Amino acid sequence: MIGSFATSKAGHDKGACYVILKEDGAFVYLCDGRCKPVRAPKKKSRKHIQLINRTVSLQIAEKLAEGLPVTDEEVKYEIKQYKKQV
């Protein structure tokens, strides 16, 4: 699930697109590179997100899997590329 795109189903950010940075039990940590940067991801319940059957590029996915730092610019670029294709 880490590295997947997700949209928010509930809350003030309903409909916003995020990248899943990490998982913790019933919660996931989301980032969009703008309002929610990598250094301060949004903690959201799994039941309040809709997974998108799509992941970030292989390069970014490997960084996330290995626990290496990802920049806000990389996340913003990935979301921008996803939205272009939708």
PDB file of N, CA and C in Angstrom:
ATOM      1  N   MET A   1       0.821  -1.186   0.000  1.00  0.00           N
ATOM      2  CA  MET A   1       0.000   0.000   0.000  1.00  0.00           C
ATOM      3  C   MET A   1       0.872   1.259   0.000  1.00  0.00           C
ATOM      4  N   ILE A   2       2.072   1.172   0.539  1.00  0.00           N
ATOM      5  CA  ILE A   2       2.971   2.317   0.554  1.00  0.00           C
ATOM      6  C   ILE A   2       3.349   2.661  -0.886  1.00  0.00           C
ATOM      7  N   GLY A   3       3.254   3.946  -1.209  1.00  0.00           N
ATOM      8  CA  GLY A   3       3.560   4.389  -2.561  1.00  0.00           C
ATOM      9  C   GLY A   3       2.340   4.447  -3.464  1.00  0.00           C
ATOM     10  N   SER A   4       1.183   4.063  -2.945  1.00  0.00           N
ATOM     11  CA  SER A   4      -0.052   4.123  -3.737  1.00  0.00           C
ATOM     12  C   SER A   4      -0.669   5.510  -3.639  1.00  0.00           C
ATOM     13  N   PHE A   5      -1.484   5.839  -4.619  1.00  0.00           N
ATOM     14  CA  PHE A   5      -2.258   7.069  -4.576  1.00  0.00           C
ATOM     15  C   PHE A   5      -3.555   6.785  -3.830  1.00  0.00           C
ATOM     16  N   ALA A   6      -4.083   7.812  -3.170  1.00  0.00           N
ATOM     17  CA  ALA A   6      -5.355   7.689  -2.459  1.00  0.00           C
ATOM     18  C   ALA A   6      -6.054   9.039  -2.474  1.00  0.00           C
ATOM     19  N   THR A   7      -7.376   8.989  -2.409  1.00  0.00           N
ATOM     20  CA  THR A   7      -8.155  10.213  -2.272  1.00  0.00           C
ATOM     21  C   THR A   7      -8.884  10.168  -0.938  1.00  0.00           C
ATOM     22  N   SER A   8      -9.114  11.323  -0.395  1.00  0.00           N
ATOM     23  CA  SER A   8      -9.803  11.438   0.871  1.00  0.00           C
ATOM     24  C   SER A   8     -11.310  11.330   0.654  1.00  0.00           C
ATOM     25  N   LYS A   9     -11.980  10.485   1.462  1.00  0.00           N
ATOM     26  CA  LYS A   9     -13.431  10.327   1.360  1.00  0.00           C
ATOM     27  C   LYS A   9     -14.173  11.150   2.402  1.00  0.00           C
ATOM     28  N   ALA A  10     -13.468  11.629   3.421  1.00  0.00           N
ATOM     29  CA  ALA A  10     -14.131  12.355   4.498  1.00  0.00           C
ATOM     30  C   ALA A  10     -13.208  13.432   5.051  1.00  0.00           C
ATOM     31  N   GLY A  11     -13.811  14.425   5.664  1.00  0.00           N
ATOM     32  CA  GLY A  11     -13.056  15.503   6.278  1.00  0.00           C
ATOM     33  C   GLY A  11     -13.036  16.740   5.413  1.00  0.00           C
ATOM     34  N   HIS A  12     -12.353  17.775   5.890  1.00  0.00           N
ATOM     35  CA  HIS A  12     -12.302  19.034   5.153  1.00  0.00           C
ATOM     36  C   HIS A  12     -11.518  18.923   3.852  1.00  0.00           C
ATOM     37  N   ASP A  13     -10.721  17.866   3.725  1.00  0.00           N
ATOM     38  CA  ASP A  13      -9.917  17.659   2.519  1.00  0.00           C
ATOM     39  C   ASP A  13     -10.544  16.650   1.561  1.00  0.00           C
ATOM     40  N   LYS A  14     -11.848  16.439   1.679  1.00  0.00           N
ATOM     41  CA  LYS A  14     -12.557  15.449   0.861  1.00  0.00           C
ATOM     42  C   LYS A  14     -12.258  15.657  -0.630  1.00  0.00           C
ATOM     43  N   GLY A  15     -11.855  14.574  -1.293  1.00  0.00           N
ATOM     44  CA  GLY A  15     -11.552  14.617  -2.721  1.00  0.00           C
ATOM     45  C   GLY A  15     -10.103  14.912  -3.048  1.00  0.00           C
ATOM     46  N   ALA A  16      -9.290  15.248  -2.054  1.00  0.00           N
ATOM     47  CA  ALA A  16      -7.882  15.566  -2.297  1.00  0.00           C
ATOM     48  C   ALA A  16      -7.085  14.297  -2.608  1.00  0.00           C
ATOM     49  N   CYS A  17      -6.089  14.443  -3.470  1.00  0.00           N
ATOM     50  CA  CYS A  17      -5.248  13.323  -3.879  1.00  0.00           C
ATOM     51  C   CYS A  17      -3.953  13.330  -3.063  1.00  0.00           C
ATOM     52  N   TYR A  18      -3.566  12.177  -2.560  1.00  0.00           N
ATOM     53  CA  TYR A  18      -2.375  12.032  -1.741  1.00  0.00           C
ATOM     54  C   TYR A  18      -1.565  10.818  -2.175  1.00  0.00           C
ATOM     55  N   VAL A  19      -0.332  10.747  -1.660  1.00  0.00           N
ATOM     56  CA  VAL A  19       0.510   9.564  -1.787  1.00  0.00           C
ATOM     57  C   VAL A  19       0.665   8.987  -0.379  1.00  0.00           C
ATOM     58  N   ILE A  20       0.536   7.679  -0.249  1.00  0.00           N
ATOM     59  CA  ILE A  20       0.683   7.023   1.052  1.00  0.00           C
ATOM     60  C   ILE A  20       2.163   6.849   1.349  1.00  0.00           C
ATOM     61  N   LEU A  21       2.611   7.443   2.459  1.00  0.00           N
ATOM     62  CA  LEU A  21       4.015   7.364   2.847  1.00  0.00           C
ATOM     63  C   LEU A  21       4.315   6.184   3.756  1.00  0.00           C
ATOM     64  N   LYS A  22       3.409   5.926   4.708  1.00  0.00           N
ATOM     65  CA  LYS A  22       3.609   4.787   5.601  1.00  0.00           C
ATOM     66  C   LYS A  22       2.284   4.352   6.200  1.00  0.00           C
ATOM     67  N   GLU A  23       2.302   3.155   6.788  1.00  0.00           N
ATOM     68  CA  GLU A  23       1.114   2.573   7.397  1.00  0.00           C
ATOM     69  C   GLU A  23       1.390   2.315   8.875  1.00  0.00           C
ATOM     70  N   ASP A  24       0.335   2.401   9.674  1.00  0.00           N
ATOM     71  CA  ASP A  24       0.466   2.158  11.107  1.00  0.00           C
ATOM     72  C   ASP A  24      -0.866   1.639  11.636  1.00  0.00           C
ATOM     73  N   GLY A  25      -1.046   0.341  11.605  1.00  0.00           N
ATOM     74  CA  GLY A  25      -2.290  -0.253  12.095  1.00  0.00           C
ATOM     75  C   GLY A  25      -3.482   0.193  11.280  1.00  0.00           C
ATOM     76  N   ALA A  26      -4.411   0.899  11.938  1.00  0.00           N
ATOM     77  CA  ALA A  26      -5.637   1.345  11.267  1.00  0.00           C
ATOM     78  C   ALA A  26      -5.463   2.697  10.582  1.00  0.00           C
ATOM     79  N   PHE A  27      -4.246   3.229  10.608  1.00  0.00           N
ATOM     80  CA  PHE A  27      -4.007   4.555  10.038  1.00  0.00           C
ATOM     81  C   PHE A  27      -2.960   4.503   8.929  1.00  0.00           C
ATOM     82  N   VAL A  28      -3.039   5.497   8.056  1.00  0.00           N
ATOM     83  CA  VAL A  28      -2.015   5.699   7.030  1.00  0.00           C
ATOM     84  C   VAL A  28      -1.554   7.153   7.124  1.00  0.00           C
ATOM     85  N   TYR A  29      -0.359   7.405   6.635  1.00  0.00           N
ATOM     86  CA  TYR A  29       0.190   8.755   6.632  1.00  0.00           C
ATOM     87  C   TYR A  29       0.286   9.223   5.189  1.00  0.00           C
ATOM     88  N   LEU A  30      -0.389  10.333   4.905  1.00  0.00           N
ATOM     89  CA  LEU A  30      -0.537  10.835   3.547  1.00  0.00           C
ATOM     90  C   LEU A  30       0.212  12.139   3.347  1.00  0.00           C
ATOM     91  N   CYS A  31       0.649  12.346   2.114  1.00  0.00           N
ATOM     92  CA  CYS A  31       1.381  13.556   1.782  1.00  0.00           C
ATOM     93  C   CYS A  31       0.983  14.009   0.383  1.00  0.00           C
ATOM     94  N   ASP A  32       0.899  15.324   0.180  1.00  0.00           N
ATOM     95  CA  ASP A  32       0.642  15.841  -1.164  1.00  0.00           C
ATOM     96  C   ASP A  32       1.745  16.785  -1.626  1.00  0.00           C
ATOM     97  N   GLY A  33       2.720  17.061  -0.769  1.00  0.00           N
ATOM     98  CA  GLY A  33       3.838  17.919  -1.139  1.00  0.00           C
ATOM     99  C   GLY A  33       3.552  19.402  -1.029  1.00  0.00           C
ATOM    100  N   ARG A  34       2.311  19.779  -0.821  1.00  0.00           N
ATOM    101  CA  ARG A  34       1.935  21.195  -0.710  1.00  0.00           C
ATOM    102  C   ARG A  34       1.420  21.494   0.699  1.00  0.00           C
ATOM    103  N   CYS A  35       0.149  21.211   0.936  1.00  0.00           N
ATOM    104  CA  CYS A  35      -0.456  21.469   2.245  1.00  0.00           C
ATOM    105  C   CYS A  35       0.056  20.493   3.299  1.00  0.00           C
ATOM    106  N   LYS A  36       0.276  19.273   2.877  1.00  0.00           N
ATOM    107  CA  LYS A  36       0.791  18.242   3.778  1.00  0.00           C
ATOM    108  C   LYS A  36       2.146  17.772   3.251  1.00  0.00           C
ATOM    109  N   PRO A  37       3.227  18.383   3.740  1.00  0.00           N
ATOM    110  CA  PRO A  37       4.558  18.014   3.254  1.00  0.00           C
ATOM    111  C   PRO A  37       5.032  16.667   3.806  1.00  0.00           C
ATOM    112  N   VAL A  38       6.116  16.183   3.251  1.00  0.00           N
ATOM    113  CA  VAL A  38       6.681  14.894   3.653  1.00  0.00           C
ATOM    114  C   VAL A  38       7.100  14.923   5.123  1.00  0.00           C
ATOM    115  N   ARG A  39       7.602  16.050   5.593  1.00  0.00           N
ATOM    116  CA  ARG A  39       8.080  16.134   6.974  1.00  0.00           C
ATOM    117  C   ARG A  39       6.947  16.142   8.003  1.00  0.00           C
ATOM    118  N   ALA A  40       5.712  16.451   7.563  1.00  0.00           N
ATOM    119  CA  ALA A  40       4.559  16.474   8.461  1.00  0.00           C
ATOM    120  C   ALA A  40       3.350  15.873   7.744  1.00  0.00           C
ATOM    121  N   PRO A  41       3.350  14.555   7.520  1.00  0.00           N
ATOM    122  CA  PRO A  41       2.245  13.935   6.776  1.00  0.00           C
ATOM    123  C   PRO A  41       0.945  13.922   7.564  1.00  0.00           C
ATOM    124  N   LYS A  42      -0.164  13.787   6.850  1.00  0.00           N
ATOM    125  CA  LYS A  42      -1.492  13.739   7.454  1.00  0.00           C
ATOM    126  C   LYS A  42      -1.786  12.320   7.907  1.00  0.00           C
ATOM    127  N   LYS A  43      -2.165  12.161   9.164  1.00  0.00           N
ATOM    128  CA  LYS A  43      -2.563  10.858   9.695  1.00  0.00           C
ATOM    129  C   LYS A  43      -4.058  10.718   9.455  1.00  0.00           C
ATOM    130  N   LYS A  44      -4.444   9.653   8.748  1.00  0.00           N
ATOM    131  CA  LYS A  44      -5.852   9.480   8.396  1.00  0.00           C
ATOM    132  C   LYS A  44      -6.223   8.009   8.546  1.00  0.00           C
ATOM    133  N   SER A  45      -7.434   7.761   8.985  1.00  0.00           N
ATOM    134  CA  SER A  45      -7.950   6.411   9.126  1.00  0.00           C
ATOM    135  C   SER A  45      -8.088   5.758   7.753  1.00  0.00           C
ATOM    136  N   ARG A  46      -7.820   4.462   7.677  1.00  0.00           N
ATOM    137  CA  ARG A  46      -7.942   3.734   6.412  1.00  0.00           C
ATOM    138  C   ARG A  46      -9.357   3.800   5.858  1.00  0.00           C
ATOM    139  N   LYS A  47     -10.349   3.846   6.735  1.00  0.00           N
ATOM    140  CA  LYS A  47     -11.734   3.853   6.255  1.00  0.00           C
ATOM    141  C   LYS A  47     -12.134   5.202   5.657  1.00  0.00           C
ATOM    142  N   HIS A  48     -11.302   6.230   5.836  1.00  0.00           N
ATOM    143  CA  HIS A  48     -11.608   7.547   5.295  1.00  0.00           C
ATOM    144  C   HIS A  48     -10.844   7.861   4.013  1.00  0.00           C
ATOM    145  N   ILE A  49     -10.200   6.847   3.432  1.00  0.00           N
ATOM    146  CA  ILE A  49      -9.512   7.058   2.161  1.00  0.00           C
ATOM    147  C   ILE A  49     -10.001   6.053   1.125  1.00  0.00           C
ATOM    148  N   GLN A  50      -9.892   6.432  -0.129  1.00  0.00           N
ATOM    149  CA  GLN A  50     -10.210   5.547  -1.242  1.00  0.00           C
ATOM    150  C   GLN A  50      -8.907   5.281  -1.981  1.00  0.00           C
ATOM    151  N   LEU A  51      -8.473   4.028  -1.973  1.00  0.00           N
ATOM    152  CA  LEU A  51      -7.255   3.677  -2.691  1.00  0.00           C
ATOM    153  C   LEU A  51      -7.476   3.784  -4.187  1.00  0.00           C
ATOM    154  N   ILE A  52      -6.463   4.231  -4.881  1.00  0.00           N
ATOM    155  CA  ILE A  52      -6.491   4.310  -6.336  1.00  0.00           C
ATOM    156  C   ILE A  52      -5.582   3.195  -6.826  1.00  0.00           C
ATOM    157  N   ASN A  53      -6.035   2.449  -7.798  1.00  0.00           N
ATOM    158  CA  ASN A  53      -5.280   1.302  -8.302  1.00  0.00           C
ATOM    159  C   ASN A  53      -4.113   1.796  -9.161  1.00  0.00           C
ATOM    160  N   ARG A  54      -3.211   2.514  -8.529  1.00  0.00           N
ATOM    161  CA  ARG A  54      -2.082   3.112  -9.224  1.00  0.00           C
ATOM    162  C   ARG A  54      -1.008   3.443  -8.207  1.00  0.00           C
ATOM    163  N   THR A  55       0.252   3.287  -8.569  1.00  0.00           N
ATOM    164  CA  THR A  55       1.338   3.615  -7.652  1.00  0.00           C
ATOM    165  C   THR A  55       2.254   4.661  -8.270  1.00  0.00           C
ATOM    166  N   VAL A  56       3.108   5.208  -7.441  1.00  0.00           N
ATOM    167  CA  VAL A  56       4.088   6.177  -7.910  1.00  0.00           C
ATOM    168  C   VAL A  56       5.119   5.469  -8.780  1.00  0.00           C
ATOM    169  N   SER A  57       6.018   6.235  -9.380  1.00  0.00           N
ATOM    170  CA  SER A  57       7.033   5.644 -10.243  1.00  0.00           C
ATOM    171  C   SER A  57       7.918   4.682  -9.455  1.00  0.00           C
ATOM    172  N   LEU A  58       8.566   3.796 -10.155  1.00  0.00           N
ATOM    173  CA  LEU A  58       9.403   2.768  -9.531  1.00  0.00           C
ATOM    174  C   LEU A  58      10.505   3.383  -8.682  1.00  0.00           C
ATOM    175  N   GLN A  59      11.099   4.460  -9.154  1.00  0.00           N
ATOM    176  CA  GLN A  59      12.182   5.118  -8.434  1.00  0.00           C
ATOM    177  C   GLN A  59      11.710   5.611  -7.059  1.00  0.00           C
ATOM    178  N   ILE A  60      10.563   6.260  -7.004  1.00  0.00           N
ATOM    179  CA  ILE A  60      10.027   6.787  -5.743  1.00  0.00           C
ATOM    180  C   ILE A  60       9.550   5.632  -4.860  1.00  0.00           C
ATOM    181  N   ALA A  61       8.925   4.630  -5.450  1.00  0.00           N
ATOM    182  CA  ALA A  61       8.438   3.477  -4.688  1.00  0.00           C
ATOM    183  C   ALA A  61       9.591   2.760  -3.988  1.00  0.00           C
ATOM    184  N   GLU A  62      10.720   2.630  -4.665  1.00  0.00           N
ATOM    185  CA  GLU A  62      11.891   1.988  -4.050  1.00  0.00           C
ATOM    186  C   GLU A  62      12.409   2.813  -2.888  1.00  0.00           C
ATOM    187  N   LYS A  63      12.433   4.131  -3.041  1.00  0.00           N
ATOM    188  CA  LYS A  63      12.862   5.002  -1.946  1.00  0.00           C
ATOM    189  C   LYS A  63      11.968   4.816  -0.724  1.00  0.00           C
ATOM    190  N   LEU A  64      10.663   4.806  -0.945  1.00  0.00           N
ATOM    191  CA  LEU A  64       9.720   4.645   0.168  1.00  0.00           C
ATOM    192  C   LEU A  64       9.876   3.279   0.831  1.00  0.00           C
ATOM    193  N   ALA A  65      10.053   2.238   0.037  1.00  0.00           N
ATOM    194  CA  ALA A  65      10.194   0.884   0.581  1.00  0.00           C
ATOM    195  C   ALA A  65      11.461   0.739   1.413  1.00  0.00           C
ATOM    196  N   GLU A  66      12.524   1.414   1.013  1.00  0.00           N
ATOM    197  CA  GLU A  66      13.797   1.323   1.726  1.00  0.00           C
ATOM    198  C   GLU A  66      13.890   2.315   2.874  1.00  0.00           C
ATOM    199  N   GLY A  67      12.914   3.203   2.995  1.00  0.00           N
ATOM    200  CA  GLY A  67      12.918   4.185   4.072  1.00  0.00           C
ATOM    201  C   GLY A  67      13.797   5.391   3.787  1.00  0.00           C
ATOM    202  N   LEU A  68      14.185   5.569   2.530  1.00  0.00           N
ATOM    203  CA  LEU A  68      14.995   6.724   2.148  1.00  0.00           C
ATOM    204  C   LEU A  68      14.109   7.961   2.043  1.00  0.00           C
ATOM    205  N   PRO A  69      14.689   9.149   2.244  1.00  0.00           N
ATOM    206  CA  PRO A  69      13.871  10.365   2.183  1.00  0.00           C
ATOM    207  C   PRO A  69      13.369  10.670   0.775  1.00  0.00           C
ATOM    208  N   VAL A  70      12.142  11.138   0.717  1.00  0.00           N
ATOM    209  CA  VAL A  70      11.507  11.568  -0.529  1.00  0.00           C
ATOM    210  C   VAL A  70      11.214  13.054  -0.364  1.00  0.00           C
ATOM    211  N   THR A  71      11.399  13.828  -1.414  1.00  0.00           N
ATOM    212  CA  THR A  71      11.175  15.271  -1.316  1.00  0.00           C
ATOM    213  C   THR A  71       9.734  15.636  -1.687  1.00  0.00           C
ATOM    214  N   ASP A  72       9.317  16.808  -1.253  1.00  0.00           N
ATOM    215  CA  ASP A  72       7.988  17.314  -1.597  1.00  0.00           C
ATOM    216  C   ASP A  72       7.850  17.499  -3.106  1.00  0.00           C
ATOM    217  N   GLU A  73       8.927  17.915  -3.748  1.00  0.00           N
ATOM    218  CA  GLU A  73       8.898  18.127  -5.197  1.00  0.00           C
ATOM    219  C   GLU A  73       8.634  16.824  -5.939  1.00  0.00           C
ATOM    220  N   GLU A  74       9.228  15.729  -5.464  1.00  0.00           N
ATOM    221  CA  GLU A  74       8.998  14.424  -6.090  1.00  0.00           C
ATOM    222  C   GLU A  74       7.538  14.006  -5.954  1.00  0.00           C
ATOM    223  N   VAL A  75       6.976  14.224  -4.780  1.00  0.00           N
ATOM    224  CA  VAL A  75       5.574  13.859  -4.531  1.00  0.00           C
ATOM    225  C   VAL A  75       4.650  14.718  -5.391  1.00  0.00           C
ATOM    226  N   LYS A  76       4.903  16.026  -5.434  1.00  0.00           N
ATOM    227  CA  LYS A  76       4.082  16.919  -6.258  1.00  0.00           C
ATOM    228  C   LYS A  76       4.138  16.507  -7.725  1.00  0.00           C
ATOM    229  N   TYR A  77       5.313  16.144  -8.207  1.00  0.00           N
ATOM    230  CA  TYR A  77       5.469  15.728  -9.598  1.00  0.00           C
ATOM    231  C   TYR A  77       4.674  14.456  -9.892  1.00  0.00           C
ATOM    232  N   GLU A  78       4.738  13.493  -8.975  1.00  0.00           N
ATOM    233  CA  GLU A  78       4.005  12.237  -9.161  1.00  0.00           C
ATOM    234  C   GLU A  78       2.493  12.474  -9.210  1.00  0.00           C
ATOM    235  N   ILE A  79       1.985  13.320  -8.315  1.00  0.00           N
ATOM    236  CA  ILE A  79       0.554  13.627  -8.296  1.00  0.00           C
ATOM    237  C   ILE A  79       0.161  14.366  -9.574  1.00  0.00           C
ATOM    238  N   LYS A  80       1.006  15.276 -10.011  1.00  0.00           N
ATOM    239  CA  LYS A  80       0.744  16.013 -11.252  1.00  0.00           C
ATOM    240  C   LYS A  80       0.678  15.063 -12.444  1.00  0.00           C
ATOM    241  N   GLN A  81       1.596  14.122 -12.516  1.00  0.00           N
ATOM    242  CA  GLN A  81       1.595  13.151 -13.616  1.00  0.00           C
ATOM    243  C   GLN A  81       0.359  12.264 -13.567  1.00  0.00           C
ATOM    244  N   TYR A  82      -0.055  11.868 -12.371  1.00  0.00           N
ATOM    245  CA  TYR A  82      -1.261  11.047 -12.225  1.00  0.00           C
ATOM    246  C   TYR A  82      -2.492  11.815 -12.720  1.00  0.00           C
ATOM    247  N   LYS A  83      -2.618  13.082 -12.311  1.00  0.00           N
ATOM    248  CA  LYS A  83      -3.783  13.875 -12.689  1.00  0.00           C
ATOM    249  C   LYS A  83      -3.825  14.155 -14.181  1.00  0.00           C
ATOM    250  N   LYS A  84      -2.676  14.232 -14.828  1.00  0.00           N
ATOM    251  CA  LYS A  84      -2.642  14.424 -16.284  1.00  0.00           C
ATOM    252  C   LYS A  84      -3.263  13.230 -17.002  1.00  0.00           C
ATOM    253  N   GLN A  85      -3.061  12.034 -16.472  1.00  0.00           N
ATOM    254  CA  GLN A  85      -3.518  10.819 -17.122  1.00  0.00           C
ATOM    255  C   GLN A  85      -4.969  10.497 -16.827  1.00  0.00           C
ATOM    256  N   VAL A  86      -5.549  11.161 -15.854  1.00  0.00           N
ATOM    257  CA  VAL A  86      -6.949  10.887 -15.489  1.00  0.00           C
ATOM    258  C   VAL A  86      -7.900  11.722 -16.285  1.00  0.00           C
TER     259      VAL A  86
END
